[in-house]
Amino acid sequence: MRWYMDYGARHSADGAEGRLVSLFTFTEDWAGWEMHPAGDEVVVCLTGTMVLTQEFPDGRIEQVTLGPGEYAVNPPGVWHTADIEGEASALFITAGMGTQNRPR
């Protein structure tokens, strides 16, 4: 997402203390994985259902199903992606510094 990269460029001086707060509505599964090395990311499902998949540094995979009002935390260094059931909206509070992406 270009806007995400632009945000990072404009706010890089925030360092590890900076947080990106964003809201998205999804109608399909995420096309890739992402990982935030600088801190936790909080994911709050607002509508619909999403299945968050987390890949931990030790190779362990965990999945959590989120419905409206439920949340999960992606710890630093944990790769994550999501599958969407129909349509879902989520709020993200992200330590965005150093975010990495990879294809699914």
PDB file of N, CA and C in Angstrom:
ATOM      1  N   MET A   1       0.838  -1.175   0.000  1.00  0.00           N
ATOM      2  CA  MET A   1       0.000   0.000   0.000  1.00  0.00           C
ATOM      3  C   MET A   1       0.884   1.240   0.000  1.00  0.00           C
ATOM      4  N   ARG A   2       0.735   2.009  -1.037  1.00  0.00           N
ATOM      5  CA  ARG A   2       1.589   3.180  -1.194  1.00  0.00           C
ATOM      6  C   ARG A   2       1.427   4.181  -0.039  1.00  0.00           C
ATOM      7  N   TRP A   3       0.200   4.423   0.407  1.00  0.00           N
ATOM      8  CA  TRP A   3      -0.007   5.407   1.473  1.00  0.00           C
ATOM      9  C   TRP A   3       0.734   4.998   2.741  1.00  0.00           C
ATOM     10  N   TYR A   4       0.844   3.696   2.980  1.00  0.00           N
ATOM     11  CA  TYR A   4       1.536   3.208   4.172  1.00  0.00           C
ATOM     12  C   TYR A   4       3.020   3.550   4.094  1.00  0.00           C
ATOM     13  N   MET A   5       3.604   3.364   2.918  1.00  0.00           N
ATOM     14  CA  MET A   5       5.015   3.684   2.726  1.00  0.00           C
ATOM     15  C   MET A   5       5.238   5.203   2.820  1.00  0.00           C
ATOM     16  N   ASP A   6       4.313   5.986   2.253  1.00  0.00           N
ATOM     17  CA  ASP A   6       4.411   7.447   2.337  1.00  0.00           C
ATOM     18  C   ASP A   6       4.336   7.916   3.792  1.00  0.00           C
ATOM     19  N   TYR A   7       3.435   7.293   4.561  1.00  0.00           N
ATOM     20  CA  TYR A   7       3.318   7.638   5.978  1.00  0.00           C
ATOM     21  C   TYR A   7       4.653   7.388   6.688  1.00  0.00           C
ATOM     22  N   GLY A   8       5.246   6.235   6.419  1.00  0.00           N
ATOM     23  CA  GLY A   8       6.527   5.892   7.030  1.00  0.00           C
ATOM     24  C   GLY A   8       7.608   6.898   6.702  1.00  0.00           C
ATOM     25  N   ALA A   9       7.628   7.357   5.454  1.00  0.00           N
ATOM     26  CA  ALA A   9       8.637   8.333   5.039  1.00  0.00           C
ATOM     27  C   ALA A   9       8.436   9.673   5.758  1.00  0.00           C
ATOM     28  N   ARG A  10       7.187  10.095   5.905  1.00  0.00           N
ATOM     29  CA  ARG A  10       6.901  11.384   6.538  1.00  0.00           C
ATOM     30  C   ARG A  10       7.101  11.369   8.049  1.00  0.00           C
ATOM     31  N   HIS A  11       6.935  10.201   8.668  1.00  0.00           N
ATOM     32  CA  HIS A  11       6.955  10.142  10.131  1.00  0.00           C
ATOM     33  C   HIS A  11       8.081   9.273  10.682  1.00  0.00           C
ATOM     34  N   SER A  12       9.120   9.072   9.911  1.00  0.00           N
ATOM     35  CA  SER A  12      10.219   8.207  10.360  1.00  0.00           C
ATOM     36  C   SER A  12      10.906   8.757  11.612  1.00  0.00           C
ATOM     37  N   ALA A  13      10.846  10.057  11.823  1.00  0.00           N
ATOM     38  CA  ALA A  13      11.474  10.653  13.009  1.00  0.00           C
ATOM     39  C   ALA A  13      10.761  10.251  14.302  1.00  0.00           C
ATOM     40  N   ASP A  14       9.539   9.711  14.189  1.00  0.00           N
ATOM     41  CA  ASP A  14       8.823   9.248  15.381  1.00  0.00           C
ATOM     42  C   ASP A  14       9.535   8.069  16.037  1.00  0.00           C
ATOM     43  N   GLY A  15      10.335   7.345  15.247  1.00  0.00           N
ATOM     44  CA  GLY A  15      11.075   6.203  15.777  1.00  0.00           C
ATOM     45  C   GLY A  15      10.165   5.130  16.341  1.00  0.00           C
ATOM     46  N   ALA A  16      10.689   4.380  17.279  1.00  0.00           N
ATOM     47  CA  ALA A  16       9.959   3.250  17.853  1.00  0.00           C
ATOM     48  C   ALA A  16       8.744   3.688  18.666  1.00  0.00           C
ATOM     49  N   GLU A  17       8.673   4.956  19.054  1.00  0.00           N
ATOM     50  CA  GLU A  17       7.534   5.443  19.834  1.00  0.00           C
ATOM     51  C   GLU A  17       6.321   5.764  18.961  1.00  0.00           C
ATOM     52  N   GLY A  18       6.521   5.911  17.662  1.00  0.00           N
ATOM     53  CA  GLY A  18       5.425   6.267  16.762  1.00  0.00           C
ATOM     54  C   GLY A  18       4.445   5.120  16.571  1.00  0.00           C
ATOM     55  N   ARG A  19       3.182   5.447  16.353  1.00  0.00           N
ATOM     56  CA  ARG A  19       2.142   4.459  16.081  1.00  0.00           C
ATOM     57  C   ARG A  19       1.303   4.939  14.908  1.00  0.00           C
ATOM     58  N   LEU A  20       0.945   3.991  14.065  1.00  0.00           N
ATOM     59  CA  LEU A  20       0.027   4.242  12.961  1.00  0.00           C
ATOM     60  C   LEU A  20      -1.321   3.667  13.367  1.00  0.00           C
ATOM     61  N   VAL A  21      -2.364   4.481  13.333  1.00  0.00           N
ATOM     62  CA  VAL A  21      -3.720   4.021  13.619  1.00  0.00           C
ATOM     63  C   VAL A  21      -4.474   4.044  12.302  1.00  0.00           C
ATOM     64  N   SER A  22      -5.033   2.887  11.914  1.00  0.00           N
ATOM     65  CA  SER A  22      -5.712   2.804  10.621  1.00  0.00           C
ATOM     66  C   SER A  22      -6.947   1.920  10.727  1.00  0.00           C
ATOM     67  N   LEU A  23      -7.866   2.130   9.800  1.00  0.00           N
ATOM     68  CA  LEU A  23      -9.121   1.384   9.736  1.00  0.00           C
ATOM     69  C   LEU A  23      -9.295   0.897   8.310  1.00  0.00           C
ATOM     70  N   PHE A  24      -9.573  -0.391   8.154  1.00  0.00           N
ATOM     71  CA  PHE A  24      -9.766  -0.966   6.822  1.00  0.00           C
ATOM     72  C   PHE A  24     -11.020  -1.815   6.793  1.00  0.00           C
ATOM     73  N   THR A  25     -11.650  -1.867   5.620  1.00  0.00           N
ATOM     74  CA  THR A  25     -12.705  -2.830   5.341  1.00  0.00           C
ATOM     75  C   THR A  25     -12.174  -3.765   4.270  1.00  0.00           C
ATOM     76  N   PHE A  26     -12.251  -5.057   4.534  1.00  0.00           N
ATOM     77  CA  PHE A  26     -11.723  -6.080   3.633  1.00  0.00           C
ATOM     78  C   PHE A  26     -12.867  -6.898   3.049  1.00  0.00           C
ATOM     79  N   THR A  27     -12.733  -7.269   1.776  1.00  0.00           N
ATOM     80  CA  THR A  27     -13.703  -8.155   1.133  1.00  0.00           C
ATOM     81  C   THR A  27     -13.031  -9.419   0.607  1.00  0.00           C
ATOM     82  N   GLU A  28     -11.726  -9.524   0.827  1.00  0.00           N
ATOM     83  CA  GLU A  28     -11.008 -10.728   0.411  1.00  0.00           C
ATOM     84  C   GLU A  28      -9.825 -10.956   1.339  1.00  0.00           C
ATOM     85  N   ASP A  29      -9.278 -12.173   1.263  1.00  0.00           N
ATOM     86  CA  ASP A  29      -8.120 -12.520   2.084  1.00  0.00           C
ATOM     87  C   ASP A  29      -6.953 -11.600   1.762  1.00  0.00           C
ATOM     88  N   TRP A  30      -6.074 -11.390   2.733  1.00  0.00           N
ATOM     89  CA  TRP A  30      -4.879 -10.578   2.498  1.00  0.00           C
ATOM     90  C   TRP A  30      -4.001 -11.272   1.468  1.00  0.00           C
ATOM     91  N   ALA A  31      -3.395 -10.509   0.612  1.00  0.00           N
ATOM     92  CA  ALA A  31      -2.541 -11.052  -0.450  1.00  0.00           C
ATOM     93  C   ALA A  31      -1.130 -11.369   0.038  1.00  0.00           C
ATOM     94  N   GLY A  32      -0.756 -10.873   1.209  1.00  0.00           N
ATOM     95  CA  GLY A  32       0.611 -11.080   1.691  1.00  0.00           C
ATOM     96  C   GLY A  32       0.671 -11.193   3.199  1.00  0.00           C
ATOM     97  N   TRP A  33       1.890 -11.299   3.681  1.00  0.00           N
ATOM     98  CA  TRP A  33       2.205 -11.325   5.104  1.00  0.00           C
ATOM     99  C   TRP A  33       2.895 -10.012   5.453  1.00  0.00           C
ATOM    100  N   GLU A  34       2.804  -9.614   6.722  1.00  0.00           N
ATOM    101  CA  GLU A  34       3.584  -8.476   7.191  1.00  0.00           C
ATOM    102  C   GLU A  34       4.113  -8.765   8.587  1.00  0.00           C
ATOM    103  N   MET A  35       5.145  -8.002   8.955  1.00  0.00           N
ATOM    104  CA  MET A  35       5.784  -8.174  10.257  1.00  0.00           C
ATOM    105  C   MET A  35       6.292  -6.812  10.715  1.00  0.00           C
ATOM    106  N   HIS A  36       6.082  -6.520  11.996  1.00  0.00           N
ATOM    107  CA  HIS A  36       6.485  -5.244  12.583  1.00  0.00           C
ATOM    108  C   HIS A  36       7.541  -5.516  13.655  1.00  0.00           C
ATOM    109  N   PRO A  37       8.812  -5.237  13.373  1.00  0.00           N
ATOM    110  CA  PRO A  37       9.871  -5.554  14.329  1.00  0.00           C
ATOM    111  C   PRO A  37       9.962  -4.590  15.513  1.00  0.00           C
ATOM    112  N   ALA A  38       9.368  -3.390  15.401  1.00  0.00           N
ATOM    113  CA  ALA A  38       9.581  -2.352  16.417  1.00  0.00           C
ATOM    114  C   ALA A  38       8.602  -2.395  17.584  1.00  0.00           C
ATOM    115  N   GLY A  39       7.563  -3.225  17.499  1.00  0.00           N
ATOM    116  CA  GLY A  39       6.605  -3.255  18.598  1.00  0.00           C
ATOM    117  C   GLY A  39       5.345  -4.008  18.248  1.00  0.00           C
ATOM    118  N   ASP A  40       4.459  -4.114  19.232  1.00  0.00           N
ATOM    119  CA  ASP A  40       3.189  -4.810  19.061  1.00  0.00           C
ATOM    120  C   ASP A  40       2.285  -4.103  18.057  1.00  0.00           C
ATOM    121  N   GLU A  41       1.405  -4.896  17.443  1.00  0.00           N
ATOM    122  CA  GLU A  41       0.304  -4.357  16.649  1.00  0.00           C
ATOM    123  C   GLU A  41      -0.982  -4.899  17.258  1.00  0.00           C
ATOM    124  N   VAL A  42      -1.919  -4.019  17.563  1.00  0.00           N
ATOM    125  CA  VAL A  42      -3.226  -4.418  18.064  1.00  0.00           C
ATOM    126  C   VAL A  42      -4.188  -4.430  16.884  1.00  0.00           C
ATOM    127  N   VAL A  43      -4.938  -5.528  16.742  1.00  0.00           N
ATOM    128  CA  VAL A  43      -5.934  -5.675  15.679  1.00  0.00           C
ATOM    129  C   VAL A  43      -7.287  -5.856  16.356  1.00  0.00           C
ATOM    130  N   VAL A  44      -8.218  -4.925  16.112  1.00  0.00           N
ATOM    131  CA  VAL A  44      -9.557  -4.995  16.690  1.00  0.00           C
ATOM    132  C   VAL A  44     -10.550  -5.186  15.551  1.00  0.00           C
ATOM    133  N   CYS A  45     -11.266  -6.308  15.561  1.00  0.00           N
ATOM    134  CA  CYS A  45     -12.299  -6.546  14.552  1.00  0.00           C
ATOM    135  C   CYS A  45     -13.528  -5.719  14.929  1.00  0.00           C
ATOM    136  N   LEU A  46     -14.023  -4.938  13.983  1.00  0.00           N
ATOM    137  CA  LEU A  46     -15.188  -4.088  14.240  1.00  0.00           C
ATOM    138  C   LEU A  46     -16.466  -4.682  13.675  1.00  0.00           C
ATOM    139  N   THR A  47     -16.376  -5.282  12.473  1.00  0.00           N
ATOM    140  CA  THR A  47     -17.525  -5.925  11.843  1.00  0.00           C
ATOM    141  C   THR A  47     -17.048  -7.177  11.124  1.00  0.00           C
ATOM    142  N   GLY A  48     -17.951  -8.132  10.954  1.00  0.00           N
ATOM    143  CA  GLY A  48     -17.622  -9.340  10.213  1.00  0.00           C
ATOM    144  C   GLY A  48     -16.744 -10.291  11.007  1.00  0.00           C
ATOM    145  N   THR A  49     -16.111 -11.198  10.257  1.00  0.00           N
ATOM    146  CA  THR A  49     -15.242 -12.210  10.860  1.00  0.00           C
ATOM    147  C   THR A  49     -13.951 -12.306  10.076  1.00  0.00           C
ATOM    148  N   MET A  50     -12.840 -12.376  10.788  1.00  0.00           N
ATOM    149  CA  MET A  50     -11.537 -12.559  10.153  1.00  0.00           C
ATOM    150  C   MET A  50     -10.741 -13.597  10.937  1.00  0.00           C
ATOM    151  N   VAL A  51      -9.961 -14.389  10.211  1.00  0.00           N
ATOM    152  CA  VAL A  51      -9.092 -15.382  10.837  1.00  0.00           C
ATOM    153  C   VAL A  51      -7.660 -14.887  10.680  1.00  0.00           C
ATOM    154  N   LEU A  52      -7.052 -14.514  11.787  1.00  0.00           N
ATOM    155  CA  LEU A  52      -5.687 -14.001  11.804  1.00  0.00           C
ATOM    156  C   LEU A  52      -4.728 -15.177  11.974  1.00  0.00           C
ATOM    157  N   THR A  53      -3.754 -15.283  11.080  1.00  0.00           N
ATOM    158  CA  THR A  53      -2.729 -16.321  11.171  1.00  0.00           C
ATOM    159  C   THR A  53      -1.418 -15.661  11.548  1.00  0.00           C
ATOM    160  N   GLN A  54      -0.787 -16.177  12.600  1.00  0.00           N
ATOM    161  CA  GLN A  54       0.484 -15.643  13.094  1.00  0.00           C
ATOM    162  C   GLN A  54       1.562 -16.715  12.975  1.00  0.00           C
ATOM    163  N   GLU A  55       2.710 -16.328  12.412  1.00  0.00           N
ATOM    164  CA  GLU A  55       3.866 -17.222  12.305  1.00  0.00           C
ATOM    165  C   GLU A  55       4.966 -16.678  13.210  1.00  0.00           C
ATOM    166  N   PHE A  56       5.258 -17.406  14.282  1.00  0.00           N
ATOM    167  CA  PHE A  56       6.220 -16.959  15.283  1.00  0.00           C
ATOM    168  C   PHE A  56       7.650 -17.294  14.860  1.00  0.00           C
ATOM    169  N   PRO A  57       8.632 -16.583  15.396  1.00  0.00           N
ATOM    170  CA  PRO A  57      10.033 -16.818  15.015  1.00  0.00           C
ATOM    171  C   PRO A  57      10.499 -18.267  15.199  1.00  0.00           C
ATOM    172  N   ASP A  58       9.882 -19.005  16.138  1.00  0.00           N
ATOM    173  CA  ASP A  58      10.272 -20.405  16.351  1.00  0.00           C
ATOM    174  C   ASP A  58       9.586 -21.361  15.373  1.00  0.00           C
ATOM    175  N   GLY A  59       8.819 -20.803  14.408  1.00  0.00           N
ATOM    176  CA  GLY A  59       8.144 -21.615  13.400  1.00  0.00           C
ATOM    177  C   GLY A  59       6.723 -22.013  13.763  1.00  0.00           C
ATOM    178  N   ARG A  60       6.321 -21.760  14.988  1.00  0.00           N
ATOM    179  CA  ARG A  60       4.966 -22.087  15.435  1.00  0.00           C
ATOM    180  C   ARG A  60       3.948 -21.224  14.694  1.00  0.00           C
ATOM    181  N   ILE A  61       2.824 -21.838  14.297  1.00  0.00           N
ATOM    182  CA  ILE A  61       1.728 -21.132  13.631  1.00  0.00           C
ATOM    183  C   ILE A  61       0.523 -21.141  14.567  1.00  0.00           C
ATOM    184  N   GLU A  62      -0.088 -19.983  14.750  1.00  0.00           N
ATOM    185  CA  GLU A  62      -1.319 -19.891  15.533  1.00  0.00           C
ATOM    186  C   GLU A  62      -2.360 -19.147  14.719  1.00  0.00           C
ATOM    187  N   GLN A  63      -3.616 -19.568  14.870  1.00  0.00           N
ATOM    188  CA  GLN A  63      -4.723 -18.875  14.222  1.00  0.00           C
ATOM    189  C   GLN A  63      -5.731 -18.466  15.284  1.00  0.00           C
ATOM    190  N   VAL A  64      -6.294 -17.291  15.108  1.00  0.00           N
ATOM    191  CA  VAL A  64      -7.334 -16.810  16.010  1.00  0.00           C
ATOM    192  C   VAL A  64      -8.449 -16.213  15.157  1.00  0.00           C
ATOM    193  N   THR A  65      -9.676 -16.606  15.458  1.00  0.00           N
ATOM    194  CA  THR A  65     -10.839 -16.069  14.760  1.00  0.00           C
ATOM    195  C   THR A  65     -11.357 -14.876  15.548  1.00  0.00           C
ATOM    196  N   LEU A  66     -11.494 -13.757  14.858  1.00  0.00           N
ATOM    197  CA  LEU A  66     -11.958 -12.521  15.491  1.00  0.00           C
ATOM    198  C   LEU A  66     -13.325 -12.138  14.947  1.00  0.00           C
ATOM    199  N   GLY A  67     -14.247 -11.844  15.843  1.00  0.00           N
ATOM    200  CA  GLY A  67     -15.546 -11.302  15.495  1.00  0.00           C
ATOM    201  C   GLY A  67     -15.649  -9.890  16.037  1.00  0.00           C
ATOM    202  N   PRO A  68     -16.779  -9.227  15.822  1.00  0.00           N
ATOM    203  CA  PRO A  68     -16.938  -7.846  16.269  1.00  0.00           C
ATOM    204  C   PRO A  68     -16.614  -7.662  17.754  1.00  0.00           C
ATOM    205  N   GLY A  69     -15.738  -6.694  18.034  1.00  0.00           N
ATOM    206  CA  GLY A  69     -15.351  -6.376  19.399  1.00  0.00           C
ATOM    207  C   GLY A  69     -14.208  -7.208  19.946  1.00  0.00           C
ATOM    208  N   GLU A  70     -13.750  -8.201  19.184  1.00  0.00           N
ATOM    209  CA  GLU A  70     -12.639  -9.033  19.645  1.00  0.00           C
ATOM    210  C   GLU A  70     -11.329  -8.515  19.068  1.00  0.00           C
ATOM    211  N   TYR A  71     -10.239  -8.811  19.768  1.00  0.00           N
ATOM    212  CA  TYR A  71      -8.948  -8.291  19.321  1.00  0.00           C
ATOM    213  C   TYR A  71      -7.861  -9.342  19.484  1.00  0.00           C
ATOM    214  N   ALA A  72      -6.749  -9.080  18.821  1.00  0.00           N
ATOM    215  CA  ALA A  72      -5.543  -9.895  18.962  1.00  0.00           C
ATOM    216  C   ALA A  72      -4.353  -8.953  18.930  1.00  0.00           C
ATOM    217  N   VAL A  73      -3.233  -9.441  19.432  1.00  0.00           N
ATOM    218  CA  VAL A  73      -1.990  -8.678  19.400  1.00  0.00           C
ATOM    219  C   VAL A  73      -0.972  -9.461  18.582  1.00  0.00           C
ATOM    220  N   ASN A  74      -0.384  -8.792  17.592  1.00  0.00           N
ATOM    221  CA  ASN A  74       0.742  -9.347  16.848  1.00  0.00           C
ATOM    222  C   ASN A  74       2.011  -8.841  17.528  1.00  0.00           C
ATOM    223  N   PRO A  75       2.732  -9.730  18.226  1.00  0.00           N
ATOM    224  CA  PRO A  75       3.960  -9.297  18.898  1.00  0.00           C
ATOM    225  C   PRO A  75       5.045  -8.906  17.892  1.00  0.00           C
ATOM    226  N   PRO A  76       6.057  -8.170  18.324  1.00  0.00           N
ATOM    227  CA  PRO A  76       7.156  -7.811  17.430  1.00  0.00           C
ATOM    228  C   PRO A  76       7.792  -9.068  16.835  1.00  0.00           C
ATOM    229  N   GLY A  77       8.103  -9.003  15.544  1.00  0.00           N
ATOM    230  CA  GLY A  77       8.790 -10.104  14.879  1.00  0.00           C
ATOM    231  C   GLY A  77       7.903 -11.246  14.441  1.00  0.00           C
ATOM    232  N   VAL A  78       6.596 -11.155  14.643  1.00  0.00           N
ATOM    233  CA  VAL A  78       5.667 -12.215  14.248  1.00  0.00           C
ATOM    234  C   VAL A  78       5.047 -11.859  12.895  1.00  0.00           C
ATOM    235  N   TRP A  79       5.264 -12.740  11.909  1.00  0.00           N
ATOM    236  CA  TRP A  79       4.635 -12.551  10.604  1.00  0.00           C
ATOM    237  C   TRP A  79       3.151 -12.872  10.747  1.00  0.00           C
ATOM    238  N   HIS A  80       2.295 -12.110  10.049  1.00  0.00           N
ATOM    239  CA  HIS A  80       0.862 -12.330  10.163  1.00  0.00           C
ATOM    240  C   HIS A  80       0.150 -11.998   8.857  1.00  0.00           C
ATOM    241  N   THR A  81      -0.988 -12.665   8.677  1.00  0.00           N
ATOM    242  CA  THR A  81      -1.858 -12.461   7.528  1.00  0.00           C
ATOM    243  C   THR A  81      -3.276 -12.755   7.995  1.00  0.00           C
ATOM    244  N   ALA A  82      -4.269 -12.554   7.133  1.00  0.00           N
ATOM    245  CA  ALA A  82      -5.650 -12.804   7.555  1.00  0.00           C
ATOM    246  C   ALA A  82      -6.494 -13.314   6.395  1.00  0.00           C
ATOM    247  N   ASP A  83      -7.437 -14.169   6.752  1.00  0.00           N
ATOM    248  CA  ASP A  83      -8.476 -14.621   5.833  1.00  0.00           C
ATOM    249  C   ASP A  83      -9.773 -13.956   6.265  1.00  0.00           C
ATOM    250  N   ILE A  84     -10.531 -13.517   5.287  1.00  0.00           N
ATOM    251  CA  ILE A  84     -11.745 -12.751   5.545  1.00  0.00           C
ATOM    252  C   ILE A  84     -12.955 -13.577   5.140  1.00  0.00           C
ATOM    253  N   GLU A  85     -13.935 -13.644   6.019  1.00  0.00           N
ATOM    254  CA  GLU A  85     -15.172 -14.355   5.718  1.00  0.00           C
ATOM    255  C   GLU A  85     -16.220 -13.329   5.293  1.00  0.00           C
ATOM    256  N   GLY A  86     -16.405 -13.186   3.985  1.00  0.00           N
ATOM    257  CA  GLY A  86     -17.353 -12.205   3.456  1.00  0.00           C
ATOM    258  C   GLY A  86     -16.753 -10.819   3.459  1.00  0.00           C
ATOM    259  N   GLU A  87     -17.143 -10.010   4.434  1.00  0.00           N
ATOM    260  CA  GLU A  87     -16.602  -8.655   4.579  1.00  0.00           C
ATOM    261  C   GLU A  87     -16.318  -8.420   6.057  1.00  0.00           C
ATOM    262  N   ALA A  88     -15.214  -7.767   6.338  1.00  0.00           N
ATOM    263  CA  ALA A  88     -14.850  -7.462   7.725  1.00  0.00           C
ATOM    264  C   ALA A  88     -14.118  -6.128   7.774  1.00  0.00           C
ATOM    265  N   SER A  89     -14.325  -5.408   8.865  1.00  0.00           N
ATOM    266  CA  SER A  89     -13.596  -4.161   9.117  1.00  0.00           C
ATOM    267  C   SER A  89     -12.770  -4.337  10.381  1.00  0.00           C
ATOM    268  N   ALA A  90     -11.583  -3.738  10.372  1.00  0.00           N
ATOM    269  CA  ALA A  90     -10.706  -3.849  11.539  1.00  0.00           C
ATOM    270  C   ALA A  90      -9.954  -2.547  11.762  1.00  0.00           C
ATOM    271  N   LEU A  91      -9.683  -2.280  13.029  1.00  0.00           N
ATOM    272  CA  LEU A  91      -8.877  -1.147  13.463  1.00  0.00           C
ATOM    273  C   LEU A  91      -7.499  -1.688  13.824  1.00  0.00           C
ATOM    274  N   PHE A  92      -6.453  -1.002  13.359  1.00  0.00           N
ATOM    275  CA  PHE A  92      -5.079  -1.419  13.610  1.00  0.00           C
ATOM    276  C   PHE A  92      -4.330  -0.302  14.333  1.00  0.00           C
ATOM    277  N   ILE A  93      -3.606  -0.651  15.369  1.00  0.00           N
ATOM    278  CA  ILE A  93      -2.692   0.270  16.044  1.00  0.00           C
ATOM    279  C   ILE A  93      -1.322  -0.386  15.937  1.00  0.00           C
ATOM    280  N   THR A  94      -0.470   0.209  15.109  1.00  0.00           N
ATOM    281  CA  THR A  94       0.745  -0.464  14.658  1.00  0.00           C
ATOM    282  C   THR A  94       1.999   0.327  14.986  1.00  0.00           C
ATOM    283  N   ALA A  95       2.985  -0.373  15.512  1.00  0.00           N
ATOM    284  CA  ALA A  95       4.341   0.175  15.597  1.00  0.00           C
ATOM    285  C   ALA A  95       4.949  -0.055  14.213  1.00  0.00           C
ATOM    286  N   GLY A  96       4.820   0.928  13.347  1.00  0.00           N
ATOM    287  CA  GLY A  96       5.112   0.727  11.935  1.00  0.00           C
ATOM    288  C   GLY A  96       6.569   0.775  11.522  1.00  0.00           C
ATOM    289  N   MET A  97       7.461   1.263  12.376  1.00  0.00           N
ATOM    290  CA  MET A  97       8.858   1.414  11.995  1.00  0.00           C
ATOM    291  C   MET A  97       9.461   0.061  11.603  1.00  0.00           C
ATOM    292  N   GLY A  98      10.035  -0.005  10.412  1.00  0.00           N
ATOM    293  CA  GLY A  98      10.702  -1.214   9.951  1.00  0.00           C
ATOM    294  C   GLY A  98       9.786  -2.310   9.451  1.00  0.00           C
ATOM    295  N   THR A  99       8.503  -1.997   9.232  1.00  0.00           N
ATOM    296  CA  THR A  99       7.559  -3.013   8.764  1.00  0.00           C
ATOM    297  C   THR A  99       8.085  -3.706   7.519  1.00  0.00           C
ATOM    298  N   GLN A 100       7.941  -5.027   7.493  1.00  0.00           N
ATOM    299  CA  GLN A 100       8.366  -5.834   6.352  1.00  0.00           C
ATOM    300  C   GLN A 100       7.162  -6.561   5.776  1.00  0.00           C
ATOM    301  N   ASN A 101       7.209  -6.815   4.466  1.00  0.00           N
ATOM    302  CA  ASN A 101       6.143  -7.528   3.773  1.00  0.00           C
ATOM    303  C   ASN A 101       6.743  -8.657   2.957  1.00  0.00           C
ATOM    304  N   ARG A 102       5.941  -9.703   2.749  1.00  0.00           N
ATOM    305  CA  ARG A 102       6.342 -10.798   1.871  1.00  0.00           C
ATOM    306  C   ARG A 102       5.080 -11.385   1.244  1.00  0.00           C
ATOM    307  N   PRO A 103       5.215 -11.985   0.060  1.00  0.00           N
ATOM    308  CA  PRO A 103       4.034 -12.570  -0.576  1.00  0.00           C
ATOM    309  C   PRO A 103       3.523 -13.776   0.207  1.00  0.00           C
ATOM    310  N   ARG A 104       2.287 -14.062   0.007  1.00  0.00           N
ATOM    311  CA  ARG A 104       1.644 -15.181   0.690  1.00  0.00           C
ATOM    312  C   ARG A 104       1.912 -16.477  -0.034  1.00  0.00           C
TER     313      ARG A 104
END
